[in-house]
Amino acid sequence: MAVDPSEYEKAMPIVAAHLAKIERAVNRTRASHAGQPFEAVHQALTEALQDEVAQRVVPQVVEELARQISAVEAGPSGAAG
């Protein structure tokens, strides 16, 4: 089954915009919650994704991102260092 290349070109701006929303949510959560317990990070990340209107993320991806943010050592300013 062949896919029309123009469909790909039409979809890419939408995909890129969605990924940018996810990236903003992750960066915001990392800046405010690096090194905190998993549950707090997971909740903050979920809320940040909702704020960005980017809730459609695979739950396992959200959990892995929360684990990574939780595992990061917080710097002196509270941000990841």
PDB file of N, CA and C in Angstrom:
ATOM      1  N   MET A   1       0.852  -1.186   0.000  1.00  0.00           N
ATOM      2  CA  MET A   1       0.000   0.000   0.000  1.00  0.00           C
ATOM      3  C   MET A   1       0.887   1.236   0.000  1.00  0.00           C
ATOM      4  N   ALA A   2       0.858   1.986  -1.049  1.00  0.00           N
ATOM      5  CA  ALA A   2       1.674   3.187  -1.188  1.00  0.00           C
ATOM      6  C   ALA A   2       0.963   4.377  -0.539  1.00  0.00           C
ATOM      7  N   VAL A   3       1.777   5.264   0.015  1.00  0.00           N
ATOM      8  CA  VAL A   3       1.244   6.474   0.629  1.00  0.00           C
ATOM      9  C   VAL A   3       1.661   7.655  -0.236  1.00  0.00           C
ATOM     10  N   ASP A   4       0.737   8.516  -0.499  1.00  0.00           N
ATOM     11  CA  ASP A   4       0.999   9.706  -1.289  1.00  0.00           C
ATOM     12  C   ASP A   4       1.956  10.624  -0.515  1.00  0.00           C
ATOM     13  N   PRO A   5       3.098  10.990  -1.120  1.00  0.00           N
ATOM     14  CA  PRO A   5       4.063  11.860  -0.421  1.00  0.00           C
ATOM     15  C   PRO A   5       3.456  13.186   0.036  1.00  0.00           C
ATOM     16  N   SER A   6       2.453  13.671  -0.670  1.00  0.00           N
ATOM     17  CA  SER A   6       1.855  14.943  -0.253  1.00  0.00           C
ATOM     18  C   SER A   6       1.140  14.806   1.086  1.00  0.00           C
ATOM     19  N   GLU A   7       0.642  13.615   1.410  1.00  0.00           N
ATOM     20  CA  GLU A   7       0.007  13.390   2.715  1.00  0.00           C
ATOM     21  C   GLU A   7       1.036  13.559   3.833  1.00  0.00           C
ATOM     22  N   TYR A   8       2.233  13.058   3.598  1.00  0.00           N
ATOM     23  CA  TYR A   8       3.322  13.209   4.562  1.00  0.00           C
ATOM     24  C   TYR A   8       3.630  14.690   4.759  1.00  0.00           C
ATOM     25  N   GLU A   9       3.748  15.407   3.659  1.00  0.00           N
ATOM     26  CA  GLU A   9       4.073  16.835   3.723  1.00  0.00           C
ATOM     27  C   GLU A   9       2.984  17.628   4.441  1.00  0.00           C
ATOM     28  N   LYS A  10       1.744  17.219   4.288  1.00  0.00           N
ATOM     29  CA  LYS A  10       0.637  17.884   4.976  1.00  0.00           C
ATOM     30  C   LYS A  10       0.665  17.594   6.479  1.00  0.00           C
ATOM     31  N   ALA A  11       1.035  16.370   6.825  1.00  0.00           N
ATOM     32  CA  ALA A  11       1.002  15.953   8.229  1.00  0.00           C
ATOM     33  C   ALA A  11       2.182  16.488   9.039  1.00  0.00           C
ATOM     34  N   MET A  12       3.318  16.696   8.429  1.00  0.00           N
ATOM     35  CA  MET A  12       4.518  17.058   9.184  1.00  0.00           C
ATOM     36  C   MET A  12       4.389  18.345   9.997  1.00  0.00           C
ATOM     37  N   PRO A  13       3.796  19.404   9.505  1.00  0.00           N
ATOM     38  CA  PRO A  13       3.645  20.597  10.358  1.00  0.00           C
ATOM     39  C   PRO A  13       2.785  20.325  11.598  1.00  0.00           C
ATOM     40  N   ILE A  14       1.787  19.487  11.448  1.00  0.00           N
ATOM     41  CA  ILE A  14       0.929  19.131  12.586  1.00  0.00           C
ATOM     42  C   ILE A  14       1.716  18.331  13.605  1.00  0.00           C
ATOM     43  N   VAL A  15       2.491  17.360  13.125  1.00  0.00           N
ATOM     44  CA  VAL A  15       3.317  16.529  14.007  1.00  0.00           C
ATOM     45  C   VAL A  15       4.363  17.392  14.705  1.00  0.00           C
ATOM     46  N   ALA A  16       5.013  18.274  13.953  1.00  0.00           N
ATOM     47  CA  ALA A  16       6.041  19.141  14.535  1.00  0.00           C
ATOM     48  C   ALA A  16       5.459  20.047  15.611  1.00  0.00           C
ATOM     49  N   ALA A  17       4.275  20.579  15.382  1.00  0.00           N
ATOM     50  CA  ALA A  17       3.638  21.451  16.376  1.00  0.00           C
ATOM     51  C   ALA A  17       3.312  20.666  17.645  1.00  0.00           C
ATOM     52  N   HIS A  18       2.836  19.434  17.481  1.00  0.00           N
ATOM     53  CA  HIS A  18       2.508  18.599  18.641  1.00  0.00           C
ATOM     54  C   HIS A  18       3.781  18.267  19.427  1.00  0.00           C
ATOM     55  N   LEU A  19       4.848  17.922  18.727  1.00  0.00           N
ATOM     56  CA  LEU A  19       6.114  17.621  19.409  1.00  0.00           C
ATOM     57  C   LEU A  19       6.662  18.845  20.139  1.00  0.00           C
ATOM     58  N   ALA A  20       6.484  20.019  19.572  1.00  0.00           N
ATOM     59  CA  ALA A  20       6.932  21.248  20.243  1.00  0.00           C
ATOM     60  C   ALA A  20       6.169  21.468  21.545  1.00  0.00           C
ATOM     61  N   LYS A  21       4.869  21.159  21.548  1.00  0.00           N
ATOM     62  CA  LYS A  21       4.076  21.276  22.774  1.00  0.00           C
ATOM     63  C   LYS A  21       4.585  20.312  23.836  1.00  0.00           C
ATOM     64  N   ILE A  22       4.875  19.082  23.433  1.00  0.00           N
ATOM     65  CA  ILE A  22       5.395  18.087  24.373  1.00  0.00           C
ATOM     66  C   ILE A  22       6.741  18.552  24.925  1.00  0.00           C
ATOM     67  N   GLU A  23       7.595  19.057  24.052  1.00  0.00           N
ATOM     68  CA  GLU A  23       8.911  19.524  24.481  1.00  0.00           C
ATOM     69  C   GLU A  23       8.796  20.663  25.493  1.00  0.00           C
ATOM     70  N   ARG A  24       7.891  21.608  25.240  1.00  0.00           N
ATOM     71  CA  ARG A  24       7.694  22.709  26.201  1.00  0.00           C
ATOM     72  C   ARG A  24       7.239  22.175  27.555  1.00  0.00           C
ATOM     73  N   ALA A  25       6.317  21.220  27.542  1.00  0.00           N
ATOM     74  CA  ALA A  25       5.815  20.647  28.799  1.00  0.00           C
ATOM     75  C   ALA A  25       6.934  19.932  29.551  1.00  0.00           C
ATOM     76  N   VAL A  26       7.742  19.162  28.832  1.00  0.00           N
ATOM     77  CA  VAL A  26       8.850  18.433  29.466  1.00  0.00           C
ATOM     78  C   VAL A  26       9.865  19.418  30.022  1.00  0.00           C
ATOM     79  N   ASN A  27      10.241  20.420  29.241  1.00  0.00           N
ATOM     80  CA  ASN A  27      11.230  21.402  29.709  1.00  0.00           C
ATOM     81  C   ASN A  27      10.735  22.146  30.943  1.00  0.00           C
ATOM     82  N   ARG A  28       9.467  22.524  30.928  1.00  0.00           N
ATOM     83  CA  ARG A  28       8.895  23.239  32.080  1.00  0.00           C
ATOM     84  C   ARG A  28       8.896  22.344  33.321  1.00  0.00           C
ATOM     85  N   THR A  29       8.529  21.085  33.138  1.00  0.00           N
ATOM     86  CA  THR A  29       8.503  20.157  34.268  1.00  0.00           C
ATOM     87  C   THR A  29       9.911  19.881  34.774  1.00  0.00           C
ATOM     88  N   ARG A  30      10.844  19.712  33.866  1.00  0.00           N
ATOM     89  CA  ARG A  30      12.240  19.474  34.264  1.00  0.00           C
ATOM     90  C   ARG A  30      12.773  20.658  35.066  1.00  0.00           C
ATOM     91  N   ALA A  31      12.465  21.869  34.625  1.00  0.00           N
ATOM     92  CA  ALA A  31      12.964  23.067  35.310  1.00  0.00           C
ATOM     93  C   ALA A  31      12.392  23.206  36.714  1.00  0.00           C
ATOM     94  N   SER A  32      11.157  22.779  36.899  1.00  0.00           N
ATOM     95  CA  SER A  32      10.512  22.983  38.203  1.00  0.00           C
ATOM     96  C   SER A  32      10.529  21.757  39.112  1.00  0.00           C
ATOM     97  N   HIS A  33      10.760  20.554  38.562  1.00  0.00           N
ATOM     98  CA  HIS A  33      10.609  19.350  39.374  1.00  0.00           C
ATOM     99  C   HIS A  33      11.780  18.363  39.299  1.00  0.00           C
ATOM    100  N   ALA A  34      12.897  18.757  38.712  1.00  0.00           N
ATOM    101  CA  ALA A  34      14.038  17.842  38.605  1.00  0.00           C
ATOM    102  C   ALA A  34      14.438  17.321  39.979  1.00  0.00           C
ATOM    103  N   GLY A  35      14.603  16.010  40.066  1.00  0.00           N
ATOM    104  CA  GLY A  35      15.047  15.385  41.310  1.00  0.00           C
ATOM    105  C   GLY A  35      13.955  15.137  42.328  1.00  0.00           C
ATOM    106  N   GLN A  36      12.739  15.555  42.053  1.00  0.00           N
ATOM    107  CA  GLN A  36      11.641  15.330  43.001  1.00  0.00           C
ATOM    108  C   GLN A  36      11.095  13.910  42.838  1.00  0.00           C
ATOM    109  N   PRO A  37      10.309  13.448  43.790  1.00  0.00           N
ATOM    110  CA  PRO A  37       9.753  12.093  43.717  1.00  0.00           C
ATOM    111  C   PRO A  37       8.928  11.883  42.436  1.00  0.00           C
ATOM    112  N   PHE A  38       8.954  10.652  41.944  1.00  0.00           N
ATOM    113  CA  PHE A  38       8.287  10.294  40.701  1.00  0.00           C
ATOM    114  C   PHE A  38       6.844  10.766  40.655  1.00  0.00           C
ATOM    115  N   GLU A  39       6.080  10.513  41.701  1.00  0.00           N
ATOM    116  CA  GLU A  39       4.654  10.861  41.679  1.00  0.00           C
ATOM    117  C   GLU A  39       4.444  12.359  41.476  1.00  0.00           C
ATOM    118  N   ALA A  40       5.245  13.178  42.136  1.00  0.00           N
ATOM    119  CA  ALA A  40       5.126  14.631  41.984  1.00  0.00           C
ATOM    120  C   ALA A  40       5.487  15.050  40.564  1.00  0.00           C
ATOM    121  N   VAL A  41       6.536  14.459  40.017  1.00  0.00           N
ATOM    122  CA  VAL A  41       6.964  14.777  38.660  1.00  0.00           C
ATOM    123  C   VAL A  41       5.906  14.327  37.660  1.00  0.00           C
ATOM    124  N   HIS A  42       5.387  13.121  37.848  1.00  0.00           N
ATOM    125  CA  HIS A  42       4.373  12.585  36.943  1.00  0.00           C
ATOM    126  C   HIS A  42       3.144  13.491  36.929  1.00  0.00           C
ATOM    127  N   GLN A  43       2.698  13.918  38.096  1.00  0.00           N
ATOM    128  CA  GLN A  43       1.531  14.808  38.193  1.00  0.00           C
ATOM    129  C   GLN A  43       1.813  16.143  37.501  1.00  0.00           C
ATOM    130  N   ALA A  44       2.994  16.716  37.766  1.00  0.00           N
ATOM    131  CA  ALA A  44       3.345  18.001  37.155  1.00  0.00           C
ATOM    132  C   ALA A  44       3.450  17.882  35.636  1.00  0.00           C
ATOM    133  N   LEU A  45       4.024  16.784  35.161  1.00  0.00           N
ATOM    134  CA  LEU A  45       4.153  16.580  33.722  1.00  0.00           C
ATOM    135  C   LEU A  45       2.780  16.406  33.075  1.00  0.00           C
ATOM    136  N   THR A  46       1.922  15.650  33.713  1.00  0.00           N
ATOM    137  CA  THR A  46       0.561  15.456  33.196  1.00  0.00           C
ATOM    138  C   THR A  46      -0.160  16.796  33.093  1.00  0.00           C
ATOM    139  N   GLU A  47      -0.027  17.629  34.120  1.00  0.00           N
ATOM    140  CA  GLU A  47      -0.660  18.950  34.105  1.00  0.00           C
ATOM    141  C   GLU A  47      -0.043  19.854  33.037  1.00  0.00           C
ATOM    142  N   ALA A  48       1.277  19.785  32.878  1.00  0.00           N
ATOM    143  CA  ALA A  48       1.941  20.601  31.862  1.00  0.00           C
ATOM    144  C   ALA A  48       1.501  20.191  30.460  1.00  0.00           C
ATOM    145  N   LEU A  49       1.343  18.895  30.244  1.00  0.00           N
ATOM    146  CA  LEU A  49       0.857  18.411  28.945  1.00  0.00           C
ATOM    147  C   LEU A  49      -0.570  18.894  28.698  1.00  0.00           C
ATOM    148  N   GLN A  50      -1.388  18.887  29.743  1.00  0.00           N
ATOM    149  CA  GLN A  50      -2.759  19.396  29.608  1.00  0.00           C
ATOM    150  C   GLN A  50      -2.751  20.890  29.291  1.00  0.00           C
ATOM    151  N   ASP A  51      -1.887  21.636  29.962  1.00  0.00           N
ATOM    152  CA  ASP A  51      -1.782  23.075  29.714  1.00  0.00           C
ATOM    153  C   ASP A  51      -1.385  23.363  28.268  1.00  0.00           C
ATOM    154  N   GLU A  52      -0.544  22.500  27.712  1.00  0.00           N
ATOM    155  CA  GLU A  52      -0.089  22.664  26.330  1.00  0.00           C
ATOM    156  C   GLU A  52      -1.067  22.064  25.319  1.00  0.00           C
ATOM    157  N   VAL A  53      -2.144  21.466  25.811  1.00  0.00           N
ATOM    158  CA  VAL A  53      -3.112  20.753  24.976  1.00  0.00           C
ATOM    159  C   VAL A  53      -2.387  19.668  24.177  1.00  0.00           C
ATOM    160  N   ALA A  54      -1.597  18.884  24.912  1.00  0.00           N
ATOM    161  CA  ALA A  54      -0.816  17.806  24.301  1.00  0.00           C
ATOM    162  C   ALA A  54      -1.003  16.528  25.110  1.00  0.00           C
ATOM    163  N   GLN A  55      -2.229  16.248  25.522  1.00  0.00           N
ATOM    164  CA  GLN A  55      -2.499  15.088  26.366  1.00  0.00           C
ATOM    165  C   GLN A  55      -2.329  13.767  25.625  1.00  0.00           C
ATOM    166  N   ARG A  56      -2.377  13.793  24.303  1.00  0.00           N
ATOM    167  CA  ARG A  56      -2.332  12.546  23.540  1.00  0.00           C
ATOM    168  C   ARG A  56      -0.898  12.039  23.424  1.00  0.00           C
ATOM    169  N   VAL A  57      -0.354  11.620  24.558  1.00  0.00           N
ATOM    170  CA  VAL A  57       0.979  11.038  24.622  1.00  0.00           C
ATOM    171  C   VAL A  57       0.807   9.658  25.230  1.00  0.00           C
ATOM    172  N   VAL A  58       1.493   8.679  24.677  1.00  0.00           N
ATOM    173  CA  VAL A  58       1.397   7.310  25.176  1.00  0.00           C
ATOM    174  C   VAL A  58       1.744   7.313  26.668  1.00  0.00           C
ATOM    175  N   PRO A  59       0.910   6.702  27.515  1.00  0.00           N
ATOM    176  CA  PRO A  59       1.152   6.724  28.962  1.00  0.00           C
ATOM    177  C   PRO A  59       2.542   6.231  29.363  1.00  0.00           C
ATOM    178  N   GLN A  60       3.059   5.232  28.674  1.00  0.00           N
ATOM    179  CA  GLN A  60       4.388   4.718  29.002  1.00  0.00           C
ATOM    180  C   GLN A  60       5.468   5.766  28.724  1.00  0.00           C
ATOM    181  N   VAL A  61       5.253   6.616  27.729  1.00  0.00           N
ATOM    182  CA  VAL A  61       6.197   7.685  27.426  1.00  0.00           C
ATOM    183  C   VAL A  61       6.165   8.722  28.541  1.00  0.00           C
ATOM    184  N   VAL A  62       4.981   9.078  29.001  1.00  0.00           N
ATOM    185  CA  VAL A  62       4.856  10.032  30.104  1.00  0.00           C
ATOM    186  C   VAL A  62       5.545   9.474  31.346  1.00  0.00           C
ATOM    187  N   GLU A  63       5.336   8.203  31.641  1.00  0.00           N
ATOM    188  CA  GLU A  63       5.972   7.585  32.805  1.00  0.00           C
ATOM    189  C   GLU A  63       7.488   7.591  32.684  1.00  0.00           C
ATOM    190  N   GLU A  64       8.009   7.265  31.510  1.00  0.00           N
ATOM    191  CA  GLU A  64       9.460   7.253  31.322  1.00  0.00           C
ATOM    192  C   GLU A  64      10.046   8.650  31.445  1.00  0.00           C
ATOM    193  N   LEU A  65       9.389   9.632  30.856  1.00  0.00           N
ATOM    194  CA  LEU A  65       9.859  11.010  30.996  1.00  0.00           C
ATOM    195  C   LEU A  65       9.842  11.448  32.456  1.00  0.00           C
ATOM    196  N   ALA A  66       8.790  11.093  33.177  1.00  0.00           N
ATOM    197  CA  ALA A  66       8.704  11.438  34.603  1.00  0.00           C
ATOM    198  C   ALA A  66       9.821  10.756  35.387  1.00  0.00           C
ATOM    199  N   ARG A  67      10.111   9.502  35.069  1.00  0.00           N
ATOM    200  CA  ARG A  67      11.220   8.797  35.741  1.00  0.00           C
ATOM    201  C   ARG A  67      12.546   9.502  35.494  1.00  0.00           C
ATOM    202  N   GLN A  68      12.780   9.893  34.247  1.00  0.00           N
ATOM    203  CA  GLN A  68      14.032  10.568  33.907  1.00  0.00           C
ATOM    204  C   GLN A  68      14.153  11.911  34.609  1.00  0.00           C
ATOM    205  N   ILE A  69      13.075  12.672  34.642  1.00  0.00           N
ATOM    206  CA  ILE A  69      13.100  13.977  35.316  1.00  0.00           C
ATOM    207  C   ILE A  69      13.299  13.787  36.817  1.00  0.00           C
ATOM    208  N   SER A  70      12.654  12.788  37.382  1.00  0.00           N
ATOM    209  CA  SER A  70      12.782  12.502  38.805  1.00  0.00           C
ATOM    210  C   SER A  70      14.203  12.091  39.167  1.00  0.00           C
ATOM    211  N   ALA A  71      14.878  11.399  38.270  1.00  0.00           N
ATOM    212  CA  ALA A  71      16.222  10.878  38.549  1.00  0.00           C
ATOM    213  C   ALA A  71      17.311  11.940  38.424  1.00  0.00           C
ATOM    214  N   VAL A  72      16.993  13.080  37.829  1.00  0.00           N
ATOM    215  CA  VAL A  72      17.979  14.135  37.617  1.00  0.00           C
ATOM    216  C   VAL A  72      18.263  14.844  38.936  1.00  0.00           C
ATOM    217  N   GLU A  73      19.537  15.096  39.173  1.00  0.00           N
ATOM    218  CA  GLU A  73      19.927  15.863  40.362  1.00  0.00           C
ATOM    219  C   GLU A  73      19.552  17.322  40.151  1.00  0.00           C
ATOM    220  N   ALA A  74      18.881  17.915  41.105  1.00  0.00           N
ATOM    221  CA  ALA A  74      18.530  19.325  41.019  1.00  0.00           C
ATOM    222  C   ALA A  74      19.755  20.171  41.327  1.00  0.00           C
ATOM    223  N   GLY A  75      19.899  21.244  40.570  1.00  0.00           N
ATOM    224  CA  GLY A  75      21.015  22.174  40.797  1.00  0.00           C
ATOM    225  C   GLY A  75      20.704  23.114  41.948  1.00  0.00           C
ATOM    226  N   PRO A  76      21.647  24.039  42.277  1.00  0.00           N
ATOM    227  CA  PRO A  76      21.451  24.962  43.394  1.00  0.00           C
ATOM    228  C   PRO A  76      20.219  25.849  43.242  1.00  0.00           C
ATOM    229  N   SER A  77      19.831  26.172  42.002  1.00  0.00           N
ATOM    230  CA  SER A  77      18.674  27.042  41.808  1.00  0.00           C
ATOM    231  C   SER A  77      17.383  26.265  41.753  1.00  0.00           C
ATOM    232  N   GLY A  78      17.461  24.938  41.902  1.00  0.00           N
ATOM    233  CA  GLY A  78      16.277  24.118  41.820  1.00  0.00           C
ATOM    234  C   GLY A  78      16.054  23.560  40.425  1.00  0.00           C
ATOM    235  N   ALA A  79      16.865  24.036  39.479  1.00  0.00           N
ATOM    236  CA  ALA A  79      16.779  23.543  38.098  1.00  0.00           C
ATOM    237  C   ALA A  79      17.781  22.418  37.905  1.00  0.00           C
ATOM    238  N   ALA A  80      17.549  21.638  36.898  1.00  0.00           N
ATOM    239  CA  ALA A  80      18.452  20.524  36.593  1.00  0.00           C
ATOM    240  C   ALA A  80      19.817  21.096  36.231  1.00  0.00           C
ATOM    241  N   GLY A  81      20.855  20.435  36.695  1.00  0.00           N
ATOM    242  CA  GLY A  81      22.194  20.957  36.434  1.00  0.00           C
ATOM    243  C   GLY A  81      23.024  20.087  35.600  1.00  0.00           C
TER     244      GLY A  81
END
